[in-house]
N, C-alpha and C. Protein backbone atom coordinates (compact mmCIF):
# COMPACT_ATOMS: atom_id res chain seq x y z
N MET A 1 -18.32 -39.31 -73.36
CA MET A 1 -17.95 -40.65 -72.97
C MET A 1 -18.01 -41.51 -74.22
N ALA A 2 -16.98 -42.29 -74.46
CA ALA A 2 -16.92 -43.13 -75.66
C ALA A 2 -16.50 -44.53 -75.27
N LEU A 3 -16.91 -45.48 -76.04
CA LEU A 3 -16.58 -46.88 -75.83
C LEU A 3 -15.73 -47.32 -77.00
N GLN A 4 -14.48 -47.71 -76.73
CA GLN A 4 -13.55 -48.12 -77.78
C GLN A 4 -13.64 -49.63 -77.92
N LEU A 5 -13.88 -50.11 -79.11
CA LEU A 5 -14.01 -51.54 -79.37
C LEU A 5 -13.28 -51.86 -80.65
N ALA A 6 -12.13 -52.50 -80.54
CA ALA A 6 -11.30 -52.86 -81.69
C ALA A 6 -11.09 -51.63 -82.57
N ALA A 7 -11.64 -51.62 -83.76
CA ALA A 7 -11.45 -50.50 -84.66
C ALA A 7 -12.63 -49.55 -84.66
N PHE A 8 -13.62 -49.82 -83.82
CA PHE A 8 -14.84 -49.00 -83.81
C PHE A 8 -14.90 -48.17 -82.54
N THR A 9 -15.42 -46.98 -82.65
CA THR A 9 -15.66 -46.14 -81.49
C THR A 9 -17.13 -45.77 -81.48
N ILE A 10 -17.78 -46.05 -80.35
CA ILE A 10 -19.20 -45.70 -80.20
C ILE A 10 -19.26 -44.61 -79.14
N SER A 11 -19.78 -43.47 -79.49
CA SER A 11 -19.88 -42.39 -78.52
C SER A 11 -21.32 -41.95 -78.34
N ALA A 12 -21.56 -41.44 -77.14
CA ALA A 12 -22.89 -40.90 -76.85
C ALA A 12 -23.07 -39.61 -77.63
N PRO A 13 -24.29 -39.28 -78.02
CA PRO A 13 -24.50 -38.01 -78.72
C PRO A 13 -24.19 -36.85 -77.79
N PRO A 14 -23.65 -35.74 -78.32
CA PRO A 14 -23.27 -34.62 -77.45
C PRO A 14 -24.45 -34.00 -76.71
N ARG A 15 -25.60 -33.91 -77.34
CA ARG A 15 -26.77 -33.31 -76.70
C ARG A 15 -28.00 -34.05 -77.18
N PRO A 16 -28.99 -34.23 -76.30
CA PRO A 16 -30.23 -34.84 -76.76
C PRO A 16 -31.03 -33.86 -77.60
N LEU A 17 -31.92 -34.39 -78.39
CA LEU A 17 -32.81 -33.54 -79.17
C LEU A 17 -33.78 -32.87 -78.21
N ASN A 18 -33.98 -31.58 -78.38
CA ASN A 18 -34.90 -30.85 -77.52
C ASN A 18 -36.30 -30.92 -78.08
N PHE A 19 -37.28 -30.81 -77.21
CA PHE A 19 -38.66 -30.75 -77.66
C PHE A 19 -38.90 -29.44 -78.38
N PRO A 20 -39.83 -29.40 -79.29
CA PRO A 20 -40.10 -28.12 -79.95
C PRO A 20 -40.60 -27.10 -78.94
N ILE A 21 -40.04 -25.91 -79.00
CA ILE A 21 -40.41 -24.92 -77.99
C ILE A 21 -41.40 -23.89 -78.51
N LEU A 22 -41.64 -23.86 -79.80
CA LEU A 22 -42.57 -22.88 -80.34
C LEU A 22 -43.98 -23.04 -79.77
N PRO A 23 -44.55 -24.27 -79.73
CA PRO A 23 -45.89 -24.40 -79.15
C PRO A 23 -45.92 -23.98 -77.68
N PHE A 24 -44.81 -24.20 -76.96
CA PHE A 24 -44.76 -23.81 -75.56
C PHE A 24 -44.91 -22.30 -75.43
N HIS A 25 -44.16 -21.57 -76.25
CA HIS A 25 -44.24 -20.11 -76.19
C HIS A 25 -45.65 -19.63 -76.53
N CYS A 26 -46.18 -20.15 -77.64
CA CYS A 26 -47.49 -19.69 -78.10
C CYS A 26 -48.59 -20.05 -77.10
N ALA A 27 -48.59 -21.31 -76.66
CA ALA A 27 -49.67 -21.74 -75.77
C ALA A 27 -49.55 -21.09 -74.40
N ALA A 28 -48.31 -20.99 -73.90
CA ALA A 28 -48.15 -20.37 -72.58
C ALA A 28 -48.58 -18.91 -72.64
N SER A 29 -48.19 -18.22 -73.69
CA SER A 29 -48.57 -16.80 -73.81
C SER A 29 -50.08 -16.66 -73.98
N SER A 30 -50.70 -17.51 -74.80
CA SER A 30 -52.14 -17.38 -75.01
C SER A 30 -52.91 -17.72 -73.73
N ARG A 31 -52.41 -18.69 -72.95
CA ARG A 31 -53.07 -19.00 -71.68
C ARG A 31 -52.98 -17.82 -70.72
N ARG A 32 -51.80 -17.22 -70.66
CA ARG A 32 -51.63 -16.09 -69.74
C ARG A 32 -52.50 -14.91 -70.17
N LEU A 33 -52.57 -14.67 -71.47
CA LEU A 33 -53.39 -13.57 -71.96
C LEU A 33 -54.87 -13.81 -71.69
N SER A 34 -55.33 -15.07 -71.89
CA SER A 34 -56.74 -15.36 -71.65
C SER A 34 -57.07 -15.27 -70.16
N ALA A 35 -56.07 -15.45 -69.29
CA ALA A 35 -56.30 -15.35 -67.85
C ALA A 35 -56.15 -13.90 -67.37
N GLY A 36 -55.87 -12.97 -68.30
CA GLY A 36 -55.72 -11.57 -67.92
C GLY A 36 -54.33 -11.24 -67.42
N LEU A 37 -53.36 -12.13 -67.62
CA LEU A 37 -51.99 -11.91 -67.18
C LEU A 37 -51.14 -11.47 -68.36
N PRO A 38 -50.07 -10.73 -68.10
CA PRO A 38 -49.19 -10.35 -69.22
C PRO A 38 -48.44 -11.57 -69.72
N PRO A 39 -48.03 -11.57 -71.00
CA PRO A 39 -47.29 -12.72 -71.52
C PRO A 39 -45.94 -12.88 -70.80
N LEU A 40 -45.39 -14.08 -70.86
CA LEU A 40 -44.09 -14.34 -70.24
C LEU A 40 -43.02 -13.52 -70.92
N ARG A 41 -42.13 -12.98 -70.12
CA ARG A 41 -41.00 -12.26 -70.69
C ARG A 41 -39.96 -13.26 -71.16
N ILE A 42 -39.07 -12.78 -72.00
CA ILE A 42 -38.07 -13.68 -72.57
C ILE A 42 -37.21 -14.31 -71.48
N LYS A 43 -36.86 -13.54 -70.45
CA LYS A 43 -36.05 -14.10 -69.37
C LYS A 43 -36.80 -15.21 -68.64
N GLN A 44 -38.11 -15.02 -68.45
CA GLN A 44 -38.89 -16.07 -67.78
C GLN A 44 -38.97 -17.32 -68.65
N ARG A 45 -39.14 -17.13 -69.95
CA ARG A 45 -39.18 -18.28 -70.86
C ARG A 45 -37.85 -19.02 -70.84
N ARG A 46 -36.75 -18.26 -70.90
CA ARG A 46 -35.43 -18.90 -70.89
C ARG A 46 -35.20 -19.66 -69.59
N ARG A 47 -35.66 -19.11 -68.45
CA ARG A 47 -35.49 -19.79 -67.17
C ARG A 47 -36.26 -21.10 -67.16
N ILE A 48 -37.50 -21.08 -67.65
CA ILE A 48 -38.30 -22.30 -67.67
C ILE A 48 -37.68 -23.33 -68.62
N LEU A 49 -37.26 -22.88 -69.79
CA LEU A 49 -36.68 -23.81 -70.75
C LEU A 49 -35.31 -24.32 -70.30
N ALA A 50 -34.59 -23.53 -69.50
CA ALA A 50 -33.28 -23.98 -69.00
C ALA A 50 -33.44 -25.13 -68.02
N GLU A 51 -34.60 -25.23 -67.37
CA GLU A 51 -34.81 -26.31 -66.42
C GLU A 51 -35.10 -27.63 -67.13
N ILE A 52 -35.62 -27.59 -68.33
CA ILE A 52 -36.02 -28.82 -69.03
C ILE A 52 -34.83 -29.72 -69.36
N PRO A 53 -33.69 -29.22 -69.84
CA PRO A 53 -32.59 -30.14 -70.13
C PRO A 53 -31.91 -30.72 -68.89
N SER A 54 -32.49 -30.56 -67.69
CA SER A 54 -31.87 -31.14 -66.51
C SER A 54 -31.82 -32.66 -66.60
N SER A 55 -32.62 -33.23 -67.45
CA SER A 55 -32.62 -34.68 -67.62
C SER A 55 -31.59 -35.11 -68.66
N GLU A 56 -30.77 -34.18 -69.13
CA GLU A 56 -29.76 -34.50 -70.14
C GLU A 56 -28.78 -35.55 -69.63
N ASN A 57 -28.40 -35.48 -68.37
CA ASN A 57 -27.46 -36.46 -67.84
C ASN A 57 -28.06 -37.86 -67.88
N ARG A 58 -29.34 -37.97 -67.52
CA ARG A 58 -30.00 -39.28 -67.57
C ARG A 58 -30.07 -39.78 -69.00
N PHE A 59 -30.35 -38.89 -69.93
CA PHE A 59 -30.45 -39.27 -71.34
C PHE A 59 -29.09 -39.77 -71.84
N GLN A 60 -28.02 -39.06 -71.51
CA GLN A 60 -26.70 -39.47 -71.97
C GLN A 60 -26.27 -40.78 -71.31
N LEU A 61 -26.63 -40.97 -70.04
CA LEU A 61 -26.33 -42.23 -69.37
C LEU A 61 -27.04 -43.38 -70.06
N LEU A 62 -28.29 -43.18 -70.43
CA LEU A 62 -29.05 -44.20 -71.14
C LEU A 62 -28.40 -44.49 -72.50
N ARG A 63 -27.97 -43.47 -73.21
CA ARG A 63 -27.32 -43.67 -74.50
C ARG A 63 -26.02 -44.45 -74.34
N CYS A 64 -25.26 -44.15 -73.29
CA CYS A 64 -24.01 -44.88 -73.06
C CYS A 64 -24.28 -46.34 -72.73
N LEU A 65 -25.32 -46.58 -71.92
CA LEU A 65 -25.70 -47.95 -71.58
C LEU A 65 -26.12 -48.70 -72.84
N GLU A 66 -26.91 -48.05 -73.68
CA GLU A 66 -27.33 -48.69 -74.92
C GLU A 66 -26.13 -48.96 -75.82
N ALA A 67 -25.20 -48.02 -75.90
CA ALA A 67 -24.02 -48.22 -76.74
C ALA A 67 -23.18 -49.39 -76.21
N ALA A 68 -23.06 -49.49 -74.89
CA ALA A 68 -22.30 -50.61 -74.32
C ALA A 68 -22.97 -51.94 -74.62
N MET A 69 -24.30 -51.99 -74.52
CA MET A 69 -25.02 -53.23 -74.80
C MET A 69 -24.88 -53.62 -76.28
N LEU A 70 -24.99 -52.63 -77.16
CA LEU A 70 -24.85 -52.92 -78.58
C LEU A 70 -23.43 -53.32 -78.93
N ALA A 71 -22.44 -52.73 -78.25
CA ALA A 71 -21.05 -53.11 -78.47
C ALA A 71 -20.81 -54.54 -78.01
N LEU A 72 -21.41 -54.92 -76.89
CA LEU A 72 -21.29 -56.30 -76.41
C LEU A 72 -21.92 -57.27 -77.41
N ALA A 73 -23.09 -56.91 -77.91
CA ALA A 73 -23.75 -57.77 -78.89
C ALA A 73 -22.93 -57.84 -80.17
N PHE A 74 -22.38 -56.71 -80.61
CA PHE A 74 -21.58 -56.69 -81.82
C PHE A 74 -20.34 -57.55 -81.67
N SER A 75 -19.69 -57.44 -80.51
CA SER A 75 -18.47 -58.24 -80.30
C SER A 75 -18.80 -59.73 -80.26
N ALA A 76 -19.99 -60.08 -79.74
CA ALA A 76 -20.38 -61.49 -79.73
C ALA A 76 -20.62 -62.00 -81.15
N VAL A 77 -21.21 -61.17 -81.99
CA VAL A 77 -21.47 -61.59 -83.37
C VAL A 77 -20.16 -61.69 -84.15
N VAL A 78 -19.27 -60.71 -83.97
CA VAL A 78 -18.00 -60.71 -84.69
C VAL A 78 -17.15 -61.91 -84.29
N SER A 79 -17.16 -62.25 -83.01
CA SER A 79 -16.35 -63.38 -82.56
C SER A 79 -17.00 -64.72 -82.87
N GLY A 80 -18.22 -64.71 -83.40
CA GLY A 80 -18.90 -65.93 -83.77
C GLY A 80 -19.73 -66.53 -82.65
N ASN A 81 -19.79 -65.87 -81.52
CA ASN A 81 -20.57 -66.37 -80.39
C ASN A 81 -21.85 -65.55 -80.29
N ALA A 82 -22.83 -65.88 -81.09
CA ALA A 82 -24.04 -65.07 -81.16
C ALA A 82 -25.07 -65.45 -80.14
N SER A 83 -24.83 -66.46 -79.34
CA SER A 83 -25.79 -66.81 -78.29
C SER A 83 -25.10 -66.76 -76.95
N ALA A 84 -25.86 -67.03 -75.91
CA ALA A 84 -25.29 -66.98 -74.56
C ALA A 84 -24.23 -68.05 -74.36
N SER A 85 -24.19 -69.07 -75.22
CA SER A 85 -23.19 -70.13 -75.07
C SER A 85 -21.78 -69.60 -75.30
N GLY A 86 -21.66 -68.42 -75.89
CA GLY A 86 -20.34 -67.85 -76.12
C GLY A 86 -19.77 -67.17 -74.90
N LEU A 87 -20.53 -67.06 -73.83
CA LEU A 87 -20.03 -66.41 -72.63
C LEU A 87 -19.29 -67.41 -71.76
N PRO A 88 -18.03 -67.15 -71.44
CA PRO A 88 -17.26 -68.11 -70.65
C PRO A 88 -17.70 -68.18 -69.19
N LEU A 89 -18.49 -67.25 -68.73
CA LEU A 89 -18.88 -67.22 -67.33
C LEU A 89 -19.95 -68.25 -67.00
N LEU A 90 -20.64 -68.77 -68.01
CA LEU A 90 -21.72 -69.69 -67.77
C LEU A 90 -21.23 -71.13 -67.81
N ASP A 91 -21.78 -71.94 -66.96
CA ASP A 91 -21.41 -73.35 -66.88
C ASP A 91 -21.92 -74.07 -68.13
N SER A 92 -21.13 -74.99 -68.66
CA SER A 92 -21.52 -75.67 -69.90
C SER A 92 -22.71 -76.60 -69.68
N SER A 93 -22.90 -77.09 -68.45
CA SER A 93 -24.06 -77.96 -68.20
C SER A 93 -25.36 -77.18 -68.31
N VAL A 94 -25.32 -75.91 -67.93
CA VAL A 94 -26.52 -75.07 -68.05
C VAL A 94 -26.79 -74.78 -69.52
N LEU A 95 -25.74 -74.52 -70.28
CA LEU A 95 -25.91 -74.15 -71.68
C LEU A 95 -26.31 -75.33 -72.55
N SER A 96 -25.94 -76.54 -72.15
CA SER A 96 -26.32 -77.69 -72.96
C SER A 96 -27.82 -77.93 -72.91
N ARG A 97 -28.49 -77.41 -71.87
CA ARG A 97 -29.93 -77.55 -71.76
C ARG A 97 -30.67 -76.40 -72.42
N GLU A 98 -29.96 -75.44 -72.96
CA GLU A 98 -30.60 -74.29 -73.61
C GLU A 98 -31.22 -74.74 -74.92
N PRO A 99 -32.53 -74.48 -75.12
CA PRO A 99 -33.18 -74.94 -76.36
C PRO A 99 -32.68 -74.19 -77.58
N SER A 100 -32.99 -74.76 -78.72
CA SER A 100 -32.52 -74.17 -79.98
C SER A 100 -33.23 -72.85 -80.30
N ASN A 101 -34.39 -72.61 -79.69
CA ASN A 101 -35.11 -71.36 -79.98
C ASN A 101 -34.78 -70.25 -78.99
N ALA A 102 -33.70 -70.40 -78.23
CA ALA A 102 -33.28 -69.34 -77.30
C ALA A 102 -32.84 -68.11 -78.10
N LEU A 103 -33.13 -66.94 -77.57
CA LEU A 103 -32.75 -65.71 -78.26
C LEU A 103 -31.24 -65.51 -78.17
N SER A 104 -30.69 -64.92 -79.20
CA SER A 104 -29.26 -64.62 -79.21
C SER A 104 -28.98 -63.41 -78.33
N LEU A 105 -27.73 -63.24 -77.99
CA LEU A 105 -27.32 -62.11 -77.16
C LEU A 105 -27.65 -60.76 -77.82
N PRO A 106 -27.38 -60.58 -79.13
CA PRO A 106 -27.76 -59.31 -79.75
C PRO A 106 -29.27 -59.04 -79.70
N THR A 107 -30.07 -60.10 -79.85
CA THR A 107 -31.52 -59.91 -79.78
C THR A 107 -31.95 -59.49 -78.39
N TRP A 108 -31.35 -60.11 -77.36
CA TRP A 108 -31.66 -59.69 -75.98
C TRP A 108 -31.23 -58.25 -75.74
N ALA A 109 -30.07 -57.87 -76.29
CA ALA A 109 -29.60 -56.48 -76.12
C ALA A 109 -30.59 -55.51 -76.73
N ILE A 110 -31.13 -55.84 -77.89
CA ILE A 110 -32.11 -54.96 -78.53
C ILE A 110 -33.39 -54.90 -77.72
N HIS A 111 -33.87 -56.05 -77.25
CA HIS A 111 -35.09 -56.08 -76.45
C HIS A 111 -34.95 -55.23 -75.18
N ILE A 112 -33.87 -55.45 -74.45
CA ILE A 112 -33.69 -54.76 -73.17
C ILE A 112 -33.46 -53.27 -73.37
N SER A 113 -32.64 -52.91 -74.36
CA SER A 113 -32.39 -51.47 -74.58
C SER A 113 -33.65 -50.77 -75.08
N SER A 114 -34.48 -51.46 -75.85
CA SER A 114 -35.73 -50.84 -76.31
C SER A 114 -36.67 -50.56 -75.15
N VAL A 115 -36.79 -51.52 -74.23
CA VAL A 115 -37.65 -51.31 -73.06
C VAL A 115 -37.09 -50.19 -72.19
N ALA A 116 -35.76 -50.17 -72.00
CA ALA A 116 -35.14 -49.11 -71.19
C ALA A 116 -35.35 -47.75 -71.83
N GLU A 117 -35.22 -47.65 -73.14
CA GLU A 117 -35.46 -46.38 -73.83
C GLU A 117 -36.91 -45.94 -73.71
N TRP A 118 -37.83 -46.89 -73.77
CA TRP A 118 -39.25 -46.55 -73.66
C TRP A 118 -39.56 -45.98 -72.28
N VAL A 119 -39.01 -46.61 -71.24
CA VAL A 119 -39.23 -46.12 -69.87
C VAL A 119 -38.61 -44.73 -69.71
N ALA A 120 -37.41 -44.55 -70.27
CA ALA A 120 -36.77 -43.22 -70.20
C ALA A 120 -37.59 -42.18 -70.95
N ALA A 121 -38.14 -42.55 -72.11
CA ALA A 121 -38.97 -41.61 -72.88
C ALA A 121 -40.21 -41.23 -72.08
N MET A 122 -40.81 -42.21 -71.40
CA MET A 122 -41.99 -41.91 -70.57
C MET A 122 -41.63 -40.91 -69.48
N ALA A 123 -40.47 -41.12 -68.84
CA ALA A 123 -40.04 -40.22 -67.77
C ALA A 123 -39.75 -38.82 -68.31
N LEU A 124 -39.09 -38.75 -69.47
CA LEU A 124 -38.77 -37.44 -70.05
C LEU A 124 -40.03 -36.69 -70.48
N VAL A 125 -40.99 -37.40 -71.04
CA VAL A 125 -42.25 -36.76 -71.45
C VAL A 125 -42.98 -36.23 -70.21
N TRP A 126 -43.00 -37.02 -69.14
CA TRP A 126 -43.65 -36.59 -67.90
C TRP A 126 -42.96 -35.35 -67.34
N GLU A 127 -41.63 -35.37 -67.34
CA GLU A 127 -40.88 -34.22 -66.81
C GLU A 127 -41.12 -32.97 -67.66
N TYR A 128 -41.18 -33.16 -68.97
CA TYR A 128 -41.46 -32.02 -69.85
C TYR A 128 -42.84 -31.45 -69.54
N GLY A 129 -43.81 -32.33 -69.31
CA GLY A 129 -45.16 -31.87 -68.97
C GLY A 129 -45.19 -31.09 -67.67
N GLU A 130 -44.40 -31.52 -66.69
CA GLU A 130 -44.36 -30.81 -65.41
C GLU A 130 -43.69 -29.45 -65.53
N LYS A 131 -42.56 -29.41 -66.21
CA LYS A 131 -41.78 -28.17 -66.26
C LYS A 131 -42.33 -27.15 -67.24
N SER A 132 -43.00 -27.61 -68.27
CA SER A 132 -43.53 -26.66 -69.25
C SER A 132 -44.92 -26.17 -68.88
N GLY A 133 -45.58 -26.88 -67.97
CA GLY A 133 -46.94 -26.49 -67.59
C GLY A 133 -48.01 -27.11 -68.47
N PHE A 134 -47.62 -27.91 -69.45
CA PHE A 134 -48.58 -28.61 -70.31
C PHE A 134 -48.97 -29.93 -69.66
N GLU A 135 -50.12 -29.97 -69.05
CA GLU A 135 -50.58 -31.21 -68.43
C GLU A 135 -50.90 -32.28 -69.46
N SER A 136 -51.19 -31.88 -70.70
CA SER A 136 -51.52 -32.86 -71.73
C SER A 136 -50.33 -33.75 -72.08
N TRP A 137 -49.11 -33.27 -71.85
CA TRP A 137 -47.93 -34.11 -72.10
C TRP A 137 -47.87 -35.26 -71.10
N LYS A 138 -48.36 -35.04 -69.91
CA LYS A 138 -48.41 -36.13 -68.93
C LYS A 138 -49.35 -37.23 -69.42
N GLY A 139 -50.40 -36.83 -70.13
CA GLY A 139 -51.31 -37.80 -70.71
C GLY A 139 -50.62 -38.68 -71.74
N LEU A 140 -49.66 -38.12 -72.48
CA LEU A 140 -48.90 -38.92 -73.43
C LEU A 140 -48.08 -39.98 -72.69
N SER A 141 -47.52 -39.59 -71.55
CA SER A 141 -46.77 -40.55 -70.75
C SER A 141 -47.67 -41.69 -70.29
N TRP A 142 -48.89 -41.37 -69.86
CA TRP A 142 -49.84 -42.42 -69.48
C TRP A 142 -50.25 -43.25 -70.69
N GLY A 143 -50.35 -42.63 -71.85
CA GLY A 143 -50.73 -43.35 -73.06
C GLY A 143 -49.67 -44.34 -73.51
N MET A 144 -48.45 -44.17 -73.05
CA MET A 144 -47.35 -45.07 -73.41
C MET A 144 -47.33 -46.33 -72.55
N VAL A 145 -48.08 -46.35 -71.45
CA VAL A 145 -48.05 -47.48 -70.52
C VAL A 145 -48.50 -48.80 -71.15
N PRO A 146 -49.62 -48.84 -71.91
CA PRO A 146 -50.00 -50.13 -72.49
C PRO A 146 -48.94 -50.71 -73.43
N LEU A 147 -48.24 -49.86 -74.16
CA LEU A 147 -47.19 -50.35 -75.05
C LEU A 147 -46.02 -50.92 -74.24
N LEU A 148 -45.74 -50.33 -73.08
CA LEU A 148 -44.71 -50.89 -72.20
C LEU A 148 -45.15 -52.27 -71.71
N GLY A 149 -46.43 -52.40 -71.37
CA GLY A 149 -46.95 -53.70 -70.96
C GLY A 149 -46.79 -54.74 -72.06
N GLY A 150 -47.04 -54.34 -73.30
CA GLY A 150 -46.85 -55.26 -74.42
C GLY A 150 -45.40 -55.68 -74.58
N ALA A 151 -44.48 -54.74 -74.38
CA ALA A 151 -43.06 -55.07 -74.46
C ALA A 151 -42.66 -56.04 -73.36
N LEU A 152 -43.18 -55.83 -72.17
CA LEU A 152 -42.87 -56.74 -71.06
C LEU A 152 -43.45 -58.13 -71.32
N CYS A 153 -44.62 -58.20 -71.95
CA CYS A 153 -45.18 -59.51 -72.33
C CYS A 153 -44.24 -60.23 -73.29
N ALA A 154 -43.74 -59.51 -74.28
CA ALA A 154 -42.83 -60.13 -75.26
C ALA A 154 -41.55 -60.62 -74.59
N CYS A 155 -40.97 -59.79 -73.73
CA CYS A 155 -39.73 -60.19 -73.05
C CYS A 155 -39.97 -61.40 -72.15
N THR A 156 -41.10 -61.43 -71.46
CA THR A 156 -41.42 -62.57 -70.59
C THR A 156 -41.57 -63.83 -71.42
N TRP A 157 -42.26 -63.73 -72.54
CA TRP A 157 -42.46 -64.90 -73.40
C TRP A 157 -41.12 -65.42 -73.91
N HIS A 158 -40.24 -64.52 -74.33
CA HIS A 158 -38.93 -64.93 -74.83
C HIS A 158 -38.07 -65.49 -73.69
N PHE A 159 -38.20 -64.94 -72.49
CA PHE A 159 -37.40 -65.42 -71.35
C PHE A 159 -37.68 -66.90 -71.08
N PHE A 160 -38.93 -67.31 -71.28
CA PHE A 160 -39.30 -68.70 -71.07
C PHE A 160 -39.25 -69.50 -72.39
N TYR A 161 -38.35 -69.10 -73.28
CA TYR A 161 -38.08 -69.81 -74.53
C TYR A 161 -39.32 -70.00 -75.39
N ASN A 162 -40.16 -68.99 -75.48
CA ASN A 162 -41.34 -69.01 -76.34
C ASN A 162 -42.23 -70.23 -76.06
N SER A 163 -42.42 -70.50 -74.80
CA SER A 163 -43.18 -71.67 -74.39
C SER A 163 -44.61 -71.63 -74.91
N GLU A 164 -45.08 -72.78 -75.39
CA GLU A 164 -46.46 -72.85 -75.90
C GLU A 164 -47.47 -72.66 -74.79
N SER A 165 -47.10 -72.96 -73.56
CA SER A 165 -48.03 -72.77 -72.44
C SER A 165 -48.24 -71.29 -72.13
N LEU A 166 -47.36 -70.44 -72.66
CA LEU A 166 -47.49 -68.99 -72.44
C LEU A 166 -47.94 -68.26 -73.70
N ASP A 167 -48.58 -68.96 -74.61
CA ASP A 167 -49.06 -68.31 -75.84
C ASP A 167 -50.06 -67.20 -75.55
N VAL A 168 -50.68 -67.24 -74.38
CA VAL A 168 -51.61 -66.17 -74.02
C VAL A 168 -50.88 -64.82 -73.97
N LEU A 169 -49.57 -64.84 -73.69
CA LEU A 169 -48.80 -63.59 -73.66
C LEU A 169 -48.71 -62.96 -75.04
N VAL A 170 -48.71 -63.77 -76.08
CA VAL A 170 -48.66 -63.22 -77.44
C VAL A 170 -49.96 -62.47 -77.74
N ALA A 171 -51.08 -63.09 -77.37
CA ALA A 171 -52.38 -62.42 -77.57
C ALA A 171 -52.48 -61.16 -76.71
N LEU A 172 -51.98 -61.25 -75.48
CA LEU A 172 -52.01 -60.08 -74.59
C LEU A 172 -51.13 -58.97 -75.13
N GLN A 173 -49.97 -59.32 -75.68
CA GLN A 173 -49.10 -58.31 -76.28
C GLN A 173 -49.80 -57.62 -77.45
N ALA A 174 -50.48 -58.39 -78.29
CA ALA A 174 -51.18 -57.81 -79.43
C ALA A 174 -52.29 -56.87 -78.96
N ALA A 175 -53.04 -57.30 -77.94
CA ALA A 175 -54.12 -56.45 -77.42
C ALA A 175 -53.57 -55.17 -76.81
N LEU A 176 -52.48 -55.28 -76.06
CA LEU A 176 -51.89 -54.09 -75.45
C LEU A 176 -51.30 -53.16 -76.50
N THR A 177 -50.80 -53.70 -77.59
CA THR A 177 -50.28 -52.87 -78.67
C THR A 177 -51.40 -52.07 -79.33
N VAL A 178 -52.52 -52.72 -79.59
CA VAL A 178 -53.67 -52.01 -80.18
C VAL A 178 -54.16 -50.94 -79.21
N LEU A 179 -54.31 -51.31 -77.95
CA LEU A 179 -54.77 -50.35 -76.94
C LEU A 179 -53.78 -49.20 -76.81
N GLY A 180 -52.47 -49.50 -76.80
CA GLY A 180 -51.45 -48.47 -76.67
C GLY A 180 -51.44 -47.51 -77.85
N ASN A 181 -51.61 -48.04 -79.05
CA ASN A 181 -51.69 -47.16 -80.22
C ASN A 181 -52.89 -46.23 -80.11
N PHE A 182 -54.00 -46.75 -79.63
CA PHE A 182 -55.20 -45.94 -79.46
C PHE A 182 -55.00 -44.86 -78.39
N THR A 183 -54.42 -45.25 -77.23
CA THR A 183 -54.23 -44.26 -76.15
C THR A 183 -53.21 -43.19 -76.55
N MET A 184 -52.18 -43.57 -77.30
CA MET A 184 -51.22 -42.55 -77.74
C MET A 184 -51.82 -41.62 -78.78
N CYS A 185 -52.72 -42.14 -79.60
CA CYS A 185 -53.41 -41.30 -80.57
C CYS A 185 -54.28 -40.26 -79.85
N ILE A 186 -54.99 -40.71 -78.82
CA ILE A 186 -55.81 -39.78 -78.03
C ILE A 186 -54.92 -38.74 -77.34
N ALA A 187 -53.80 -39.20 -76.76
CA ALA A 187 -52.90 -38.27 -76.07
C ALA A 187 -52.31 -37.25 -77.04
N ALA A 188 -51.94 -37.69 -78.24
CA ALA A 188 -51.39 -36.77 -79.24
C ALA A 188 -52.45 -35.74 -79.67
N PHE A 189 -53.69 -36.18 -79.79
CA PHE A 189 -54.76 -35.24 -80.15
C PHE A 189 -54.97 -34.23 -79.02
N ARG A 190 -54.89 -34.68 -77.75
CA ARG A 190 -55.05 -33.75 -76.62
C ARG A 190 -53.92 -32.73 -76.60
N ILE A 191 -52.70 -33.15 -76.96
CA ILE A 191 -51.58 -32.20 -77.02
C ILE A 191 -51.81 -31.19 -78.13
N TYR A 192 -52.25 -31.67 -79.28
CA TYR A 192 -52.55 -30.79 -80.41
C TYR A 192 -53.62 -29.77 -80.02
N ARG A 193 -54.68 -30.25 -79.38
CA ARG A 193 -55.79 -29.37 -78.99
C ARG A 193 -55.34 -28.35 -77.96
N SER A 194 -54.47 -28.75 -77.04
CA SER A 194 -54.02 -27.79 -76.01
C SER A 194 -53.11 -26.71 -76.58
N THR A 195 -52.39 -27.01 -77.67
CA THR A 195 -51.53 -25.99 -78.27
C THR A 195 -52.29 -25.06 -79.20
N ARG A 196 -53.50 -25.46 -79.57
CA ARG A 196 -54.29 -24.61 -80.46
C ARG A 196 -55.01 -23.50 -79.71
N GLY A 197 -54.96 -23.54 -78.40
CA GLY A 197 -55.56 -22.44 -77.64
C GLY A 197 -56.71 -22.85 -76.90
């Protein structure tokens, strides 16, 4: 699927990047051996790994949505209408009350697509944890939640034109970012430890 815009063509990537499968083979085999079970056969491994790209359609849909949003933002910048005032669908009386610190359309496109990608990444990590049998990957998905909260704080603050009465959201975003970095560090260490045997 491609989006044609003037002289530019934006297309979705043909395939998403796959997770590394070497730790899956090693850890799954070592777990089975330690439980007294024979290692997975190649056909069993291929069957399990074939189920993981089932989220490819969702990934490509997200990429197409992001490409469309970026194309819209790009067209607004090229045409000289970098804020919402360039949209003919909005009433001019509403736009005349828009403060000077309102975010531009490209900035909103980046904010919204970043949050959408983060939610999709959380879902993909969770699905990978379920299908591969690595429960520690689900912990990474949980570790991403505070950072999502920080992103939502930022978007809320910007939605209300960076109001001084909502400055508490800036402090909350900073706290959630620190907490999120810490929880993702712990989750990454748990994944590392689970692949070591």
